[in-house]
Amino acid sequence: MKPAKPLAFLAFLFLAAGLCARQTVVLDRNDVRTVDAGGQGRPADPAKAAFVDAALKAFAGGAPFDAVLPLVNPPAWGRVVSPETGGVLQIRTAFAGGFVFHLSLAHLLPFHRYILTLNGNPQRSGNEYLADPVPGNEKERYYDFFIATTDAGGSYGGDFAVFLHPGDYDIRFYVKDTADFKIVLYHDFFPIKVL
């Protein structure tokens, strides 16, 4: 099978994401809230409560995103699922309290779990705000913030709001396989601002 043309592939991802989109607020690894779950109560922390309110408004408002970033197969340090595997990040480049984006993934393994990760670099802004040091390279930090499970066709779509420390960030986005922690999709460095 020939890989899809880039514009046709992006159009497919946008359509697929609209059909099965989930809306998730990540306050920390132990506090992940889906919009339709209900019953979770308001966070006690005022900053987190304000972020949840702002995220829900952003999800409901449908305001346009500031940038569209392709997720592509990684170079030799990752692992390719298939030549057709791909994704798209639609991002807000600045948001109060965190990072807000829409994620669309396609042609991954069906019914498989993938880790969504923000990854820094000690030479770039925001690295110090990410949760964990990279094993073997402790100056570089990362944040595994969510595990997404693909559908029967190997797709996933969702809106996300990830609570982060205020500041400027220049980060990478990774999709990692839970089976071996290899990166299967990524977008190299891009700037965001957490207000």
Protein backbone atom coordinates (compact mmCIF):
# COMPACT_ATOMS: atom_id res chain seq x y z
CA MET A 1 0.00 0.00 0.00
CA LYS A 2 1.35 3.44 -0.92
CA PRO A 3 1.57 6.03 1.88
CA ALA A 4 -1.22 8.61 1.74
CA LYS A 5 -0.46 12.01 0.26
CA PRO A 6 0.28 14.51 3.08
CA LEU A 7 -2.82 16.70 2.58
CA ALA A 8 -5.15 13.74 2.15
CA PHE A 9 -3.63 12.10 5.21
CA LEU A 10 -4.13 15.26 7.33
CA ALA A 11 -7.74 15.51 6.16
CA PHE A 12 -8.30 11.87 7.11
CA LEU A 13 -6.84 12.45 10.57
CA PHE A 14 -9.01 15.50 11.21
CA LEU A 15 -12.13 13.58 10.14
CA ALA A 16 -11.23 10.48 12.16
CA ALA A 17 -10.46 12.57 15.24
CA GLY A 18 -13.81 14.29 15.08
CA LEU A 19 -15.63 10.96 15.10
CA CYS A 20 -14.03 9.58 18.27
CA ALA A 21 -12.59 12.57 20.12
CA ARG A 22 -12.19 12.35 23.88
CA GLN A 23 -11.63 15.35 26.15
CA THR A 24 -9.09 14.93 28.94
CA VAL A 25 -7.63 17.22 31.59
CA VAL A 26 -4.34 16.02 33.12
CA LEU A 27 -3.62 17.71 36.46
CA ASP A 28 -0.86 15.23 37.29
CA ARG A 29 -0.20 11.56 36.59
CA ASN A 30 -2.54 10.56 39.42
CA ASP A 31 -5.31 13.03 38.55
CA VAL A 32 -6.55 12.57 34.98
CA ARG A 33 -10.11 13.70 34.30
CA THR A 34 -12.33 13.03 31.30
CA VAL A 35 -14.92 15.71 30.61
CA ASP A 36 -17.84 13.29 30.40
CA ALA A 37 -16.86 11.22 33.48
CA GLY A 38 -18.38 13.61 36.03
CA GLY A 39 -18.40 13.07 39.77
CA GLN A 40 -14.72 13.87 40.28
CA GLY A 41 -15.33 17.12 42.14
CA ARG A 42 -13.33 20.33 41.89
CA PRO A 43 -9.60 20.25 42.61
CA ALA A 44 -8.78 21.72 46.03
CA ASP A 45 -5.85 23.67 44.59
CA PRO A 46 -7.17 27.02 43.24
CA ALA A 47 -4.71 27.08 40.30
CA LYS A 48 -5.76 23.59 39.22
CA ALA A 49 -9.46 24.43 39.64
CA ALA A 50 -9.02 27.54 37.44
CA PHE A 51 -7.17 25.43 34.85
CA VAL A 52 -9.98 22.85 34.73
CA ASP A 53 -12.52 25.66 34.17
CA ALA A 54 -10.39 27.24 31.43
CA ALA A 55 -9.80 23.85 29.76
CA LEU A 56 -13.52 23.03 29.71
CA LYS A 57 -14.25 26.41 28.13
CA ALA A 58 -11.52 25.84 25.54
CA PHE A 59 -12.93 22.39 24.68
CA ALA A 60 -16.48 23.75 24.38
CA GLY A 61 -15.56 26.95 22.54
CA GLY A 62 -14.02 25.39 19.46
CA ALA A 63 -11.61 28.29 18.99
CA PRO A 64 -9.04 27.69 16.23
CA PHE A 65 -5.64 26.33 17.16
CA ASP A 66 -2.49 28.37 16.58
CA ALA A 67 -0.38 25.70 14.87
CA VAL A 68 -0.67 22.26 13.27
CA LEU A 69 2.33 19.97 13.81
CA PRO A 70 2.79 16.62 12.05
CA LEU A 71 3.81 13.57 14.07
CA VAL A 72 6.14 11.40 12.02
CA ASN A 73 8.04 8.13 12.26
CA PRO A 74 11.23 8.58 14.29
CA PRO A 75 14.79 8.26 13.04
CA ALA A 76 16.97 5.28 14.01
CA TRP A 77 16.61 5.85 17.78
CA GLY A 78 12.89 4.97 17.63
CA ARG A 79 10.83 2.23 16.03
CA VAL A 80 8.58 2.39 12.97
CA VAL A 81 5.19 0.68 13.33
CA SER A 82 4.44 1.04 9.61
CA PRO A 83 5.21 3.50 6.80
CA GLU A 84 1.58 4.74 6.99
CA THR A 85 1.72 5.51 10.73
CA GLY A 86 1.30 9.20 11.46
CA GLY A 87 -0.39 11.84 13.52
CA VAL A 88 -1.18 15.50 13.98
CA LEU A 89 -0.94 17.87 16.93
CA GLN A 90 -3.10 20.99 16.77
CA ILE A 91 -1.84 23.26 19.54
CA ARG A 92 -2.54 26.45 21.44
CA THR A 93 0.85 28.13 21.62
CA ALA A 94 -0.09 30.01 24.82
CA PHE A 95 -2.62 29.07 27.49
CA ALA A 96 -3.20 29.93 31.16
CA GLY A 97 -2.06 27.08 33.38
CA GLY A 98 -0.92 24.52 30.85
CA PHE A 99 -0.70 23.06 27.35
CA VAL A 100 -3.91 22.62 25.34
CA PHE A 101 -3.99 20.60 22.13
CA HIS A 102 -5.88 18.17 19.93
CA LEU A 103 -4.18 14.89 19.06
CA SER A 104 -4.95 12.61 16.09
CA LEU A 105 -3.12 9.32 15.54
CA ALA A 106 -3.59 6.76 12.75
CA HIS A 107 -2.24 3.40 11.55
CA LEU A 108 -0.80 2.30 14.90
CA LEU A 109 -1.41 -1.18 16.33
CA PRO A 110 -5.11 -1.85 17.06
CA PHE A 111 -6.29 -1.88 20.70
CA HIS A 112 -2.77 -1.02 21.83
CA ARG A 113 -1.58 1.32 24.58
CA TYR A 114 0.77 4.21 23.84
CA ILE A 115 2.39 6.68 26.25
CA LEU A 116 2.06 10.39 25.45
CA THR A 117 5.18 12.30 26.49
CA LEU A 118 6.51 15.84 26.63
CA ASN A 119 10.31 15.79 26.37
CA GLY A 120 12.77 18.60 27.04
CA ASN A 121 16.42 19.35 26.57
CA PRO A 122 18.74 20.98 29.13
CA GLN A 123 19.79 23.58 26.53
CA ARG A 124 16.17 24.65 25.90
CA SER A 125 13.52 26.45 27.92
CA GLY A 126 11.07 24.56 30.11
CA ASN A 127 13.22 21.46 30.56
CA GLU A 128 13.49 22.14 34.31
CA TYR A 129 9.69 22.10 34.70
CA LEU A 130 9.19 18.57 33.37
CA ALA A 131 8.64 15.82 35.94
CA ASP A 132 11.36 13.20 35.50
CA PRO A 133 15.03 12.92 34.49
CA VAL A 134 15.83 10.76 31.46
CA PRO A 135 17.66 7.62 32.70
CA GLY A 136 21.32 7.88 31.74
CA ASN A 137 20.94 11.57 30.85
CA GLU A 138 19.61 13.11 34.07
CA LYS A 139 19.92 16.72 32.87
CA GLU A 140 17.26 16.05 30.21
CA ARG A 141 13.73 15.78 31.58
CA TYR A 142 10.41 14.38 30.38
CA TYR A 143 6.78 13.97 31.44
CA ASP A 144 4.79 10.81 30.60
CA PHE A 145 1.35 12.32 31.12
CA PHE A 146 -1.18 9.90 29.59
CA ILE A 147 -1.67 6.41 28.19
CA ALA A 148 -3.87 6.36 25.07
CA THR A 149 -5.47 3.15 23.77
CA THR A 150 -6.07 2.92 20.03
CA ASP A 151 -9.29 1.63 18.47
CA ALA A 152 -9.77 -1.38 16.16
CA GLY A 153 -8.22 0.56 13.25
CA GLY A 154 -5.16 1.69 15.23
CA SER A 155 -6.45 5.28 15.55
CA TYR A 156 -6.85 7.65 18.47
CA GLY A 157 -8.23 11.18 18.74
CA GLY A 158 -8.68 13.51 21.67
CA ASP A 159 -8.53 16.99 23.15
CA PHE A 160 -6.06 17.47 25.99
CA ALA A 161 -5.27 20.09 28.60
CA VAL A 162 -2.08 19.31 30.57
CA PHE A 163 -1.45 21.35 33.73
CA LEU A 164 2.15 22.68 33.72
CA HIS A 165 4.36 25.12 35.63
CA PRO A 166 4.11 28.67 34.19
CA GLY A 167 6.89 29.63 31.80
CA ASP A 168 8.31 29.28 28.30
CA TYR A 169 8.85 25.80 26.89
CA ASP A 170 10.68 24.46 23.86
CA ILE A 171 9.73 20.77 23.86
CA ARG A 172 9.31 17.61 21.82
CA PHE A 173 6.17 15.46 21.70
CA TYR A 174 6.60 11.67 21.74
CA VAL A 175 4.23 8.74 21.31
CA LYS A 176 5.90 5.71 22.96
CA ASP A 177 4.90 2.04 22.88
CA THR A 178 4.08 0.67 26.35
CA ALA A 179 5.53 -2.71 25.34
CA ASP A 180 9.13 -1.53 24.95
CA PHE A 181 9.04 2.27 25.57
CA LYS A 182 10.33 2.90 22.04
CA ILE A 183 9.26 6.16 20.39
CA VAL A 184 6.97 5.39 17.44
CA LEU A 185 5.90 8.94 16.51
CA TYR A 186 7.30 12.35 17.35
CA HIS A 187 7.48 16.05 16.58
CA ASP A 188 10.79 17.77 17.25
CA PHE A 189 11.11 20.97 19.27
CA PHE A 190 8.29 23.51 19.24
CA PRO A 191 7.63 26.50 21.54
CA ILE A 192 4.68 26.97 23.88
CA LYS A 193 4.04 29.43 26.70
CA VAL A 194 2.21 28.57 29.92
CA LEU A 195 0.74 31.80 31.30
